[in-house]
Amino acid sequence: MDKKRLYRTEGNYRRFLGVCGGLAEYFDVDPTVVRLVWAIGTLLSFSLGFWAYLICAVVIPNKSNVYPGY
């Protein structure tokens, strides 16, 4: 059994830095839903979501780094 790994997406699901696309693939949900939830959370938390997004973009590796040859 291959364990799931969290990564930033590259390609079709990537819009800005691939964080929401990677979370969507990890939790097997539509990327649009993740983006909407993240945007609403950012607005309600007075930009805390923005800073969390930037931290995730730095900490979470790209898909090609997690799965070489992809």
PDB file of N, CA and C in Angstrom:
ATOM      1  N   MET A   1       0.847  -1.179   0.000  1.00  0.00           N
ATOM      2  CA  MET A   1       0.000   0.000   0.000  1.00  0.00           C
ATOM      3  C   MET A   1       0.893   1.243   0.000  1.00  0.00           C
ATOM      4  N   ASP A   2       0.628   2.124  -0.920  1.00  0.00           N
ATOM      5  CA  ASP A   2       1.414   3.347  -1.054  1.00  0.00           C
ATOM      6  C   ASP A   2       0.798   4.433  -0.186  1.00  0.00           C
ATOM      7  N   LYS A   3       1.581   4.991   0.724  1.00  0.00           N
ATOM      8  CA  LYS A   3       1.017   6.015   1.607  1.00  0.00           C
ATOM      9  C   LYS A   3       0.881   7.347   0.878  1.00  0.00           C
ATOM     10  N   LYS A   4      -0.120   8.126   1.289  1.00  0.00           N
ATOM     11  CA  LYS A   4      -0.368   9.427   0.684  1.00  0.00           C
ATOM     12  C   LYS A   4       0.672  10.427   1.158  1.00  0.00           C
ATOM     13  N   ARG A   5       1.050  11.319   0.245  1.00  0.00           N
ATOM     14  CA  ARG A   5       2.000  12.366   0.580  1.00  0.00           C
ATOM     15  C   ARG A   5       1.384  13.702   0.196  1.00  0.00           C
ATOM     16  N   LEU A   6       1.599  14.697   1.000  1.00  0.00           N
ATOM     17  CA  LEU A   6       1.121  16.048   0.714  1.00  0.00           C
ATOM     18  C   LEU A   6       2.165  16.769  -0.121  1.00  0.00           C
ATOM     19  N   TYR A   7       1.725  17.380  -1.197  1.00  0.00           N
ATOM     20  CA  TYR A   7       2.616  18.105  -2.087  1.00  0.00           C
ATOM     21  C   TYR A   7       1.850  19.235  -2.753  1.00  0.00           C
ATOM     22  N   ARG A   8       2.590  20.168  -3.361  1.00  0.00           N
ATOM     23  CA  ARG A   8       1.976  21.222  -4.173  1.00  0.00           C
ATOM     24  C   ARG A   8       1.844  20.697  -5.592  1.00  0.00           C
ATOM     25  N   THR A   9       0.707  20.946  -6.212  1.00  0.00           N
ATOM     26  CA  THR A   9       0.472  20.418  -7.550  1.00  0.00           C
ATOM     27  C   THR A   9       1.230  21.195  -8.604  1.00  0.00           C
ATOM     28  N   GLU A  10       1.400  20.518  -9.712  1.00  0.00           N
ATOM     29  CA  GLU A  10       1.990  21.123 -10.900  1.00  0.00           C
ATOM     30  C   GLU A  10       1.085  20.748 -12.061  1.00  0.00           C
ATOM     31  N   GLY A  11       0.748  21.681 -12.900  1.00  0.00           N
ATOM     32  CA  GLY A  11      -0.058  21.364 -14.077  1.00  0.00           C
ATOM     33  C   GLY A  11      -1.485  21.863 -13.962  1.00  0.00           C
ATOM     34  N   ASN A  12      -2.441  20.987 -14.227  1.00  0.00           N
ATOM     35  CA  ASN A  12      -3.847  21.372 -14.366  1.00  0.00           C
ATOM     36  C   ASN A  12      -4.463  21.979 -13.120  1.00  0.00           C
ATOM     37  N   TYR A  13      -4.169  21.462 -11.945  1.00  0.00           N
ATOM     38  CA  TYR A  13      -4.792  21.949 -10.719  1.00  0.00           C
ATOM     39  C   TYR A  13      -4.089  23.171 -10.137  1.00  0.00           C
ATOM     40  N   ARG A  14      -2.983  23.545 -10.681  1.00  0.00           N
ATOM     41  CA  ARG A  14      -2.196  24.639 -10.122  1.00  0.00           C
ATOM     42  C   ARG A  14      -2.713  25.983 -10.628  1.00  0.00           C
ATOM     43  N   ARG A  15      -2.980  26.895  -9.720  1.00  0.00           N
ATOM     44  CA  ARG A  15      -3.396  28.232 -10.101  1.00  0.00           C
ATOM     45  C   ARG A  15      -2.331  29.250  -9.709  1.00  0.00           C
ATOM     46  N   PHE A  16      -2.004  29.328  -8.437  1.00  0.00           N
ATOM     47  CA  PHE A  16      -1.005  30.307  -7.996  1.00  0.00           C
ATOM     48  C   PHE A  16       0.291  29.593  -7.630  1.00  0.00           C
ATOM     49  N   LEU A  17       0.310  28.903  -6.529  1.00  0.00           N
ATOM     50  CA  LEU A  17       1.505  28.170  -6.118  1.00  0.00           C
ATOM     51  C   LEU A  17       1.242  26.677  -5.941  1.00  0.00           C
ATOM     52  N   GLY A  18       0.012  26.242  -6.139  1.00  0.00           N
ATOM     53  CA  GLY A  18      -0.321  24.832  -6.089  1.00  0.00           C
ATOM     54  C   GLY A  18      -0.686  24.287  -4.733  1.00  0.00           C
ATOM     55  N   VAL A  19      -0.819  25.136  -3.729  1.00  0.00           N
ATOM     56  CA  VAL A  19      -1.122  24.664  -2.377  1.00  0.00           C
ATOM     57  C   VAL A  19      -2.530  24.091  -2.302  1.00  0.00           C
ATOM     58  N   CYS A  20      -3.517  24.820  -2.776  1.00  0.00           N
ATOM     59  CA  CYS A  20      -4.902  24.348  -2.708  1.00  0.00           C
ATOM     60  C   CYS A  20      -5.112  23.118  -3.584  1.00  0.00           C
ATOM     61  N   GLY A  21      -4.466  23.084  -4.742  1.00  0.00           N
ATOM     62  CA  GLY A  21      -4.556  21.902  -5.601  1.00  0.00           C
ATOM     63  C   GLY A  21      -3.971  20.673  -4.939  1.00  0.00           C
ATOM     64  N   GLY A  22      -2.862  20.846  -4.250  1.00  0.00           N
ATOM     65  CA  GLY A  22      -2.254  19.729  -3.526  1.00  0.00           C
ATOM     66  C   GLY A  22      -3.112  19.244  -2.375  1.00  0.00           C
ATOM     67  N   LEU A  23      -3.713  20.180  -1.653  1.00  0.00           N
ATOM     68  CA  LEU A  23      -4.624  19.789  -0.568  1.00  0.00           C
ATOM     69  C   LEU A  23      -5.842  19.063  -1.125  1.00  0.00           C
ATOM     70  N   ALA A  24      -6.342  19.526  -2.269  1.00  0.00           N
ATOM     71  CA  ALA A  24      -7.498  18.886  -2.885  1.00  0.00           C
ATOM     72  C   ALA A  24      -7.178  17.458  -3.311  1.00  0.00           C
ATOM     73  N   GLU A  25      -6.007  17.245  -3.888  1.00  0.00           N
ATOM     74  CA  GLU A  25      -5.618  15.887  -4.274  1.00  0.00           C
ATOM     75  C   GLU A  25      -5.401  15.008  -3.048  1.00  0.00           C
ATOM     76  N   TYR A  26      -4.840  15.568  -1.994  1.00  0.00           N
ATOM     77  CA  TYR A  26      -4.593  14.794  -0.774  1.00  0.00           C
ATOM     78  C   TYR A  26      -5.901  14.329  -0.137  1.00  0.00           C
ATOM     79  N   PHE A  27      -6.884  15.231  -0.068  1.00  0.00           N
ATOM     80  CA  PHE A  27      -8.164  14.889   0.557  1.00  0.00           C
ATOM     81  C   PHE A  27      -9.196  14.397  -0.446  1.00  0.00           C
ATOM     82  N   ASP A  28      -8.833  14.290  -1.720  1.00  0.00           N
ATOM     83  CA  ASP A  28      -9.685  13.786  -2.789  1.00  0.00           C
ATOM     84  C   ASP A  28     -10.999  14.573  -2.895  1.00  0.00           C
ATOM     85  N   VAL A  29     -10.870  15.893  -2.989  1.00  0.00           N
ATOM     86  CA  VAL A  29     -12.012  16.782  -3.193  1.00  0.00           C
ATOM     87  C   VAL A  29     -11.717  17.702  -4.375  1.00  0.00           C
ATOM     88  N   ASP A  30     -12.721  18.429  -4.815  1.00  0.00           N
ATOM     89  CA  ASP A  30     -12.570  19.349  -5.932  1.00  0.00           C
ATOM     90  C   ASP A  30     -11.697  20.536  -5.507  1.00  0.00           C
ATOM     91  N   PRO A  31     -10.699  20.920  -6.314  1.00  0.00           N
ATOM     92  CA  PRO A  31      -9.827  22.039  -5.961  1.00  0.00           C
ATOM     93  C   PRO A  31     -10.571  23.361  -5.796  1.00  0.00           C
ATOM     94  N   THR A  32     -11.665  23.537  -6.519  1.00  0.00           N
ATOM     95  CA  THR A  32     -12.442  24.768  -6.397  1.00  0.00           C
ATOM     96  C   THR A  32     -13.028  24.910  -5.000  1.00  0.00           C
ATOM     97  N   VAL A  33     -13.463  23.811  -4.426  1.00  0.00           N
ATOM     98  CA  VAL A  33     -14.011  23.833  -3.068  1.00  0.00           C
ATOM     99  C   VAL A  33     -12.929  24.241  -2.070  1.00  0.00           C
ATOM    100  N   VAL A  34     -11.748  23.684  -2.227  1.00  0.00           N
ATOM    101  CA  VAL A  34     -10.645  24.026  -1.321  1.00  0.00           C
ATOM    102  C   VAL A  34     -10.293  25.506  -1.456  1.00  0.00           C
ATOM    103  N   ARG A  35     -10.255  26.009  -2.687  1.00  0.00           N
ATOM    104  CA  ARG A  35      -9.939  27.422  -2.901  1.00  0.00           C
ATOM    105  C   ARG A  35     -10.991  28.342  -2.284  1.00  0.00           C
ATOM    106  N   LEU A  36     -12.267  27.981  -2.438  1.00  0.00           N
ATOM    107  CA  LEU A  36     -13.337  28.794  -1.853  1.00  0.00           C
ATOM    108  C   LEU A  36     -13.274  28.792  -0.330  1.00  0.00           C
ATOM    109  N   VAL A  37     -13.062  27.626   0.250  1.00  0.00           N
ATOM    110  CA  VAL A  37     -12.962  27.533   1.714  1.00  0.00           C
ATOM    111  C   VAL A  37     -11.765  28.337   2.203  1.00  0.00           C
ATOM    112  N   TRP A  38     -10.646  28.241   1.490  1.00  0.00           N
ATOM    113  CA  TRP A  38      -9.441  28.989   1.887  1.00  0.00           C
ATOM    114  C   TRP A  38      -9.683  30.490   1.776  1.00  0.00           C
ATOM    115  N   ALA A  39     -10.350  30.929   0.699  1.00  0.00           N
ATOM    116  CA  ALA A  39     -10.626  32.358   0.513  1.00  0.00           C
ATOM    117  C   ALA A  39     -11.566  32.888   1.588  1.00  0.00           C
ATOM    118  N   ILE A  40     -12.602  32.134   1.901  1.00  0.00           N
ATOM    119  CA  ILE A  40     -13.535  32.555   2.951  1.00  0.00           C
ATOM    120  C   ILE A  40     -12.824  32.583   4.295  1.00  0.00           C
ATOM    121  N   GLY A  41     -12.000  31.573   4.560  1.00  0.00           N
ATOM    122  CA  GLY A  41     -11.229  31.555   5.805  1.00  0.00           C
ATOM    123  C   GLY A  41     -10.274  32.724   5.915  1.00  0.00           C
ATOM    124  N   THR A  42      -9.693  33.112   4.793  1.00  0.00           N
ATOM    125  CA  THR A  42      -8.788  34.261   4.795  1.00  0.00           C
ATOM    126  C   THR A  42      -9.532  35.543   5.114  1.00  0.00           C
ATOM    127  N   LEU A  43     -10.697  35.713   4.514  1.00  0.00           N
ATOM    128  CA  LEU A  43     -11.491  36.917   4.779  1.00  0.00           C
ATOM    129  C   LEU A  43     -11.980  36.973   6.220  1.00  0.00           C
ATOM    130  N   LEU A  44     -12.392  35.838   6.747  1.00  0.00           N
ATOM    131  CA  LEU A  44     -12.918  35.806   8.116  1.00  0.00           C
ATOM    132  C   LEU A  44     -11.833  35.900   9.180  1.00  0.00           C
ATOM    133  N   SER A  45     -10.618  35.527   8.830  1.00  0.00           N
ATOM    134  CA  SER A  45      -9.540  35.535   9.829  1.00  0.00           C
ATOM    135  C   SER A  45      -8.633  36.754   9.691  1.00  0.00           C
ATOM    136  N   PHE A  46      -9.083  37.753   8.955  1.00  0.00           N
ATOM    137  CA  PHE A  46      -8.306  38.982   8.787  1.00  0.00           C
ATOM    138  C   PHE A  46      -6.909  38.701   8.238  1.00  0.00           C
ATOM    139  N   SER A  47      -6.848  37.990   7.138  1.00  0.00           N
ATOM    140  CA  SER A  47      -5.650  37.680   6.350  1.00  0.00           C
ATOM    141  C   SER A  47      -4.740  36.614   6.964  1.00  0.00           C
ATOM    142  N   LEU A  48      -5.166  35.936   8.010  1.00  0.00           N
ATOM    143  CA  LEU A  48      -4.352  34.854   8.561  1.00  0.00           C
ATOM    144  C   LEU A  48      -4.185  33.736   7.537  1.00  0.00           C
ATOM    145  N   GLY A  49      -5.213  33.489   6.725  1.00  0.00           N
ATOM    146  CA  GLY A  49      -5.142  32.474   5.681  1.00  0.00           C
ATOM    147  C   GLY A  49      -4.098  32.793   4.636  1.00  0.00           C
ATOM    148  N   PHE A  50      -3.911  34.073   4.333  1.00  0.00           N
ATOM    149  CA  PHE A  50      -2.885  34.489   3.373  1.00  0.00           C
ATOM    150  C   PHE A  50      -1.502  34.101   3.867  1.00  0.00           C
ATOM    151  N   TRP A  51      -1.226  34.390   5.113  1.00  0.00           N
ATOM    152  CA  TRP A  51       0.086  34.060   5.670  1.00  0.00           C
ATOM    153  C   TRP A  51       0.264  32.547   5.786  1.00  0.00           C
ATOM    154  N   ALA A  52      -0.793  31.836   6.130  1.00  0.00           N
ATOM    155  CA  ALA A  52      -0.717  30.377   6.185  1.00  0.00           C
ATOM    156  C   ALA A  52      -0.441  29.798   4.796  1.00  0.00           C
ATOM    157  N   TYR A  53      -1.056  30.399   3.761  1.00  0.00           N
ATOM    158  CA  TYR A  53      -0.828  29.955   2.388  1.00  0.00           C
ATOM    159  C   TYR A  53       0.641  30.136   1.998  1.00  0.00           C
ATOM    160  N   LEU A  54       1.212  31.276   2.327  1.00  0.00           N
ATOM    161  CA  LEU A  54       2.617  31.516   2.003  1.00  0.00           C
ATOM    162  C   LEU A  54       3.545  30.549   2.739  1.00  0.00           C
ATOM    163  N   ILE A  55       3.237  30.272   3.988  1.00  0.00           N
ATOM    164  CA  ILE A  55       4.045  29.320   4.755  1.00  0.00           C
ATOM    165  C   ILE A  55       3.939  27.925   4.129  1.00  0.00           C
ATOM    166  N   CYS A  56       2.736  27.536   3.754  1.00  0.00           N
ATOM    167  CA  CYS A  56       2.544  26.234   3.105  1.00  0.00           C
ATOM    168  C   CYS A  56       3.294  26.168   1.777  1.00  0.00           C
ATOM    169  N   ALA A  57       3.307  27.255   1.030  1.00  0.00           N
ATOM    170  CA  ALA A  57       4.003  27.286  -0.254  1.00  0.00           C
ATOM    171  C   ALA A  57       5.507  27.096  -0.074  1.00  0.00           C
ATOM    172  N   VAL A  58       6.034  27.535   1.045  1.00  0.00           N
ATOM    173  CA  VAL A  58       7.471  27.384   1.310  1.00  0.00           C
ATOM    174  C   VAL A  58       7.776  25.996   1.872  1.00  0.00           C
ATOM    175  N   VAL A  59       6.912  25.480   2.736  1.00  0.00           N
ATOM    176  CA  VAL A  59       7.184  24.233   3.451  1.00  0.00           C
ATOM    177  C   VAL A  59       6.830  22.990   2.633  1.00  0.00           C
ATOM    178  N   ILE A  60       5.724  22.996   1.913  1.00  0.00           N
ATOM    179  CA  ILE A  60       5.252  21.815   1.186  1.00  0.00           C
ATOM    180  C   ILE A  60       6.030  21.698  -0.130  1.00  0.00           C
ATOM    181  N   PRO A  61       6.601  20.535  -0.407  1.00  0.00           N
ATOM    182  CA  PRO A  61       7.388  20.373  -1.641  1.00  0.00           C
ATOM    183  C   PRO A  61       6.493  20.228  -2.880  1.00  0.00           C
ATOM    184  N   ASN A  62       7.079  20.460  -4.055  1.00  0.00           N
ATOM    185  CA  ASN A  62       6.389  20.228  -5.315  1.00  0.00           C
ATOM    186  C   ASN A  62       6.178  18.736  -5.540  1.00  0.00           C
ATOM    187  N   LYS A  63       5.214  18.406  -6.378  1.00  0.00           N
ATOM    188  CA  LYS A  63       4.930  17.003  -6.675  1.00  0.00           C
ATOM    189  C   LYS A  63       6.138  16.310  -7.300  1.00  0.00           C
ATOM    190  N   SER A  64       6.870  17.018  -8.156  1.00  0.00           N
ATOM    191  CA  SER A  64       8.030  16.400  -8.802  1.00  0.00           C
ATOM    192  C   SER A  64       9.151  16.095  -7.803  1.00  0.00           C
ATOM    193  N   ASN A  65       9.181  16.787  -6.682  1.00  0.00           N
ATOM    194  CA  ASN A  65      10.170  16.485  -5.637  1.00  0.00           C
ATOM    195  C   ASN A  65       9.751  15.286  -4.790  1.00  0.00           C
ATOM    196  N   VAL A  66       8.446  15.100  -4.627  1.00  0.00           N
ATOM    197  CA  VAL A  66       7.930  13.985  -3.828  1.00  0.00           C
ATOM    198  C   VAL A  66       7.925  12.703  -4.660  1.00  0.00           C
ATOM    199  N   TYR A  67       7.499  12.815  -5.922  1.00  0.00           N
ATOM    200  CA  TYR A  67       7.445  11.683  -6.832  1.00  0.00           C
ATOM    201  C   TYR A  67       8.355  11.977  -8.025  1.00  0.00           C
ATOM    202  N   PRO A  68       9.640  11.672  -7.922  1.00  0.00           N
ATOM    203  CA  PRO A  68      10.573  11.959  -9.028  1.00  0.00           C
ATOM    204  C   PRO A  68      10.140  11.224 -10.298  1.00  0.00           C
ATOM    205  N   GLY A  69      10.308  11.895 -11.409  1.00  0.00           N
ATOM    206  CA  GLY A  69       9.945  11.313 -12.687  1.00  0.00           C
ATOM    207  C   GLY A  69       8.504  11.570 -13.080  1.00  0.00           C
ATOM    208  N   TYR A  70       7.783  12.313 -12.257  1.00  0.00           N
ATOM    209  CA  TYR A  70       6.380  12.601 -12.583  1.00  0.00           C
ATOM    210  C   TYR A  70       6.317  13.624 -13.669  1.00  0.00           C
TER     211      TYR A  70
END
